[in-house]
Amino acid sequence: MVLVCEIRPVVGCEHWRQFDVRERVRTVAPLLAERLPLEAVIVRRLDSQHQSMETIVVAAAAGSLPPQIGRTPCSEARFKRLASWVKAGKLLHGQRIKRSGELAMIVPEEIEGEVLAGPLQSPDGPGGVLAFLASHTKSFKEDHLHFVAELLEPCSVTLENDRRMHVLTPLPSAP
């Protein structure tokens, strides 16, 4: 828990509760990398209308190019399984070996490295996923899991605020 207490002033709730999740994640990723063995942070939203996962932002921790992840279509059964996992609220931790289950849907197989993923809740149901990719030669430890678990609620708020902002932002009218 010392890790959480040390970093909270740097990346506390005020950083996550902003409206633009893209800006927040890009700002916070380098700060998180000071305490986590981090290569990249990924935020994905569950899209029940299209039964898919939409990548909202992928932010590199320190100077490297972040992996590119687009929209991931899901079968009805896989989407329901992913939504159930988000509702359950449990962290997933996958080692460097081949990913399966929910982790395989969250982070594509071609992206190497250890993954730590947490569910993001929404008032309307499952909101999305906050995933962390470890640097190639490093691993997440028990303290890191506790720290990430504490980030889930404020990041859930940010993702929901971002969704609402985009719903409320009027589209430009056609000429």
Protein backbone atom coordinates (compact mmCIF):
# COMPACT_ATOMS: atom_id res chain seq x y z
CA MET A 1 0.00 0.00 0.00
CA VAL A 2 2.99 2.32 0.34
CA LEU A 3 3.11 2.54 -3.46
CA VAL A 4 -0.43 3.88 -3.62
CA CYS A 5 0.17 6.46 -0.90
CA GLU A 6 3.36 7.70 -2.56
CA ILE A 7 1.84 8.25 -5.99
CA ARG A 8 -1.67 9.41 -5.05
CA PRO A 9 -0.65 13.11 -4.81
CA VAL A 10 0.81 12.86 -8.31
CA VAL A 11 -1.99 10.96 -10.08
CA GLY A 12 -4.85 11.22 -7.63
CA CYS A 13 -8.55 11.38 -8.33
CA GLU A 14 -8.42 14.94 -9.63
CA HIS A 15 -6.36 13.73 -12.61
CA TRP A 16 -8.88 11.05 -13.52
CA ARG A 17 -12.16 12.89 -13.01
CA GLN A 18 -11.68 15.21 -15.97
CA PHE A 19 -13.92 14.93 -19.02
CA ASP A 20 -11.41 14.07 -21.73
CA VAL A 21 -10.15 10.58 -21.02
CA ARG A 22 -7.63 10.75 -23.88
CA GLU A 23 -5.92 13.81 -22.44
CA ARG A 24 -5.97 12.40 -18.90
CA VAL A 25 -4.44 9.06 -19.84
CA ARG A 26 -1.72 10.68 -21.95
CA THR A 27 -0.89 13.01 -19.04
CA VAL A 28 -0.91 10.31 -16.37
CA ALA A 29 0.90 7.50 -18.24
CA PRO A 30 4.43 8.93 -17.79
CA LEU A 31 3.68 9.59 -14.11
CA LEU A 32 2.48 6.03 -13.61
CA ALA A 33 5.64 4.75 -15.28
CA GLU A 34 7.65 6.23 -12.43
CA ARG A 35 6.05 3.64 -10.11
CA LEU A 36 4.87 0.81 -12.38
CA PRO A 37 6.85 -1.34 -14.85
CA LEU A 38 4.81 0.30 -17.58
CA GLU A 39 5.10 0.34 -21.34
CA ALA A 40 1.59 1.55 -22.19
CA VAL A 41 -1.88 2.29 -20.80
CA ILE A 42 -4.98 1.32 -22.77
CA VAL A 43 -8.57 2.41 -22.21
CA ARG A 44 -11.28 0.56 -24.13
CA ARG A 45 -15.04 1.08 -24.04
CA LEU A 46 -17.60 -1.70 -24.39
CA ASP A 47 -19.97 -0.90 -27.23
CA SER A 48 -23.12 -2.97 -26.72
CA GLN A 49 -24.77 -1.55 -29.83
CA HIS A 50 -22.05 -3.01 -32.07
CA GLN A 51 -21.00 -5.85 -29.72
CA SER A 52 -17.40 -4.70 -29.77
CA MET A 53 -14.64 -3.06 -27.78
CA GLU A 54 -13.66 0.39 -28.95
CA THR A 55 -10.18 1.66 -28.18
CA ILE A 56 -10.47 5.13 -26.68
CA VAL A 57 -6.78 5.77 -26.04
CA VAL A 58 -3.43 3.99 -26.02
CA ALA A 59 -0.70 6.01 -24.32
CA ALA A 60 2.97 5.09 -24.19
CA ALA A 61 4.60 5.54 -20.83
CA ALA A 62 7.94 6.92 -21.94
CA GLY A 63 8.82 8.00 -25.44
CA SER A 64 8.05 4.75 -27.25
CA LEU A 65 5.32 4.41 -29.83
CA PRO A 66 2.20 2.92 -28.27
CA PRO A 67 0.75 -0.23 -29.80
CA GLN A 68 -2.13 0.37 -32.18
CA ILE A 69 -5.40 -1.31 -31.26
CA GLY A 70 -8.59 -0.60 -33.16
CA ARG A 71 -12.15 -1.79 -32.65
CA THR A 72 -12.46 -5.46 -31.67
CA PRO A 73 -15.69 -7.11 -32.81
CA CYS A 74 -17.02 -9.82 -30.49
CA SER A 75 -19.47 -12.65 -30.92
CA GLU A 76 -22.59 -12.31 -28.80
CA ALA A 77 -21.32 -14.98 -26.40
CA ARG A 78 -17.86 -13.39 -26.04
CA PHE A 79 -19.35 -9.94 -25.53
CA LYS A 80 -21.65 -11.26 -22.80
CA ARG A 81 -18.69 -12.95 -21.12
CA LEU A 82 -16.67 -9.74 -21.24
CA ALA A 83 -19.61 -7.71 -19.88
CA SER A 84 -20.02 -10.25 -17.04
CA TRP A 85 -16.35 -9.88 -16.16
CA VAL A 86 -16.68 -6.08 -16.04
CA LYS A 87 -19.76 -6.36 -13.80
CA ALA A 88 -17.88 -8.74 -11.48
CA GLY A 89 -15.22 -6.07 -10.95
CA LYS A 90 -12.16 -8.33 -10.74
CA LEU A 91 -8.67 -7.57 -12.00
CA LEU A 92 -7.12 -9.81 -14.65
CA HIS A 93 -3.40 -10.45 -14.64
CA GLY A 94 -1.86 -12.25 -17.60
CA GLN A 95 1.73 -13.32 -17.85
CA ARG A 96 3.79 -13.26 -21.03
CA ILE A 97 2.39 -16.57 -22.23
CA LYS A 98 -0.44 -16.80 -24.73
CA ARG A 99 -3.50 -14.92 -23.48
CA SER A 100 -6.92 -16.49 -23.35
CA GLY A 101 -10.43 -15.62 -22.22
CA GLU A 102 -11.18 -11.99 -21.49
CA LEU A 103 -7.54 -10.92 -21.72
CA ALA A 104 -7.40 -12.17 -25.31
CA MET A 105 -10.34 -9.89 -26.14
CA ILE A 106 -8.89 -6.91 -24.28
CA VAL A 107 -5.34 -6.98 -25.67
CA PRO A 108 -4.66 -8.61 -29.04
CA GLU A 109 -2.28 -11.56 -29.18
CA GLU A 110 0.29 -9.73 -31.33
CA ILE A 111 0.98 -7.29 -28.49
CA GLU A 112 3.58 -8.97 -26.34
CA GLY A 113 4.15 -8.62 -22.65
CA GLU A 114 2.47 -8.97 -19.33
CA VAL A 115 -0.98 -7.40 -18.95
CA LEU A 116 -2.90 -6.10 -15.97
CA ALA A 117 -6.53 -5.23 -16.78
CA GLY A 118 -9.29 -3.80 -14.65
CA PRO A 119 -12.99 -3.33 -15.34
CA LEU A 120 -14.45 0.16 -15.63
CA GLN A 121 -18.02 0.45 -14.36
CA SER A 122 -20.71 2.75 -15.71
CA PRO A 123 -24.05 3.72 -14.16
CA ASP A 124 -25.68 2.05 -17.18
CA GLY A 125 -23.70 -1.20 -16.86
CA PRO A 126 -20.27 -2.33 -18.00
CA GLY A 127 -18.29 0.67 -19.19
CA GLY A 128 -14.92 -0.53 -20.35
CA VAL A 129 -11.43 -1.66 -19.49
CA LEU A 130 -8.29 -0.02 -18.14
CA ALA A 131 -5.28 -2.12 -19.17
CA PHE A 132 -1.59 -1.77 -18.42
CA LEU A 133 1.16 -3.36 -20.50
CA ALA A 134 4.39 -4.10 -18.66
CA SER A 135 7.76 -3.28 -20.17
CA HIS A 136 9.19 -6.33 -21.94
CA THR A 137 11.69 -7.25 -19.22
CA LYS A 138 9.56 -6.41 -16.19
CA SER A 139 6.57 -7.80 -14.28
CA PHE A 140 3.72 -6.50 -12.19
CA LYS A 141 3.98 -7.25 -8.47
CA GLU A 142 1.32 -7.56 -5.78
CA ASP A 143 1.64 -3.87 -4.80
CA HIS A 144 0.98 -2.91 -8.43
CA LEU A 145 -2.27 -4.88 -8.44
CA HIS A 146 -3.52 -3.04 -5.36
CA PHE A 147 -2.53 0.30 -6.84
CA VAL A 148 -4.31 -0.39 -10.14
CA ALA A 149 -7.42 -1.53 -8.28
CA GLU A 150 -7.58 1.90 -6.62
CA LEU A 151 -7.44 3.63 -10.02
CA LEU A 152 -10.50 1.83 -11.40
CA GLU A 153 -13.21 3.96 -9.79
CA PRO A 154 -11.80 7.36 -10.74
CA CYS A 155 -10.99 6.14 -14.24
CA SER A 156 -14.54 4.77 -14.55
CA VAL A 157 -15.81 8.27 -13.76
CA THR A 158 -13.52 9.76 -16.40
CA LEU A 159 -14.69 7.29 -19.04
CA GLU A 160 -18.35 7.99 -18.21
CA ASN A 161 -17.76 11.77 -18.25
CA ASP A 162 -16.06 11.40 -21.63
CA ARG A 163 -19.01 9.39 -22.98
CA ARG A 164 -21.49 11.98 -21.75
CA MET A 165 -19.44 14.84 -23.17
CA HIS A 166 -19.46 13.20 -26.60
CA VAL A 167 -23.20 12.51 -26.41
CA LEU A 168 -23.89 16.13 -25.49
CA THR A 169 -21.51 17.64 -28.05
CA PRO A 170 -23.64 18.52 -31.04
CA LEU A 171 -22.51 17.29 -34.42
CA PRO A 172 -21.71 20.03 -36.93
CA SER A 173 -24.67 20.81 -39.15
CA ALA A 174 -24.45 20.01 -42.83
CA PRO A 175 -24.00 23.00 -45.17
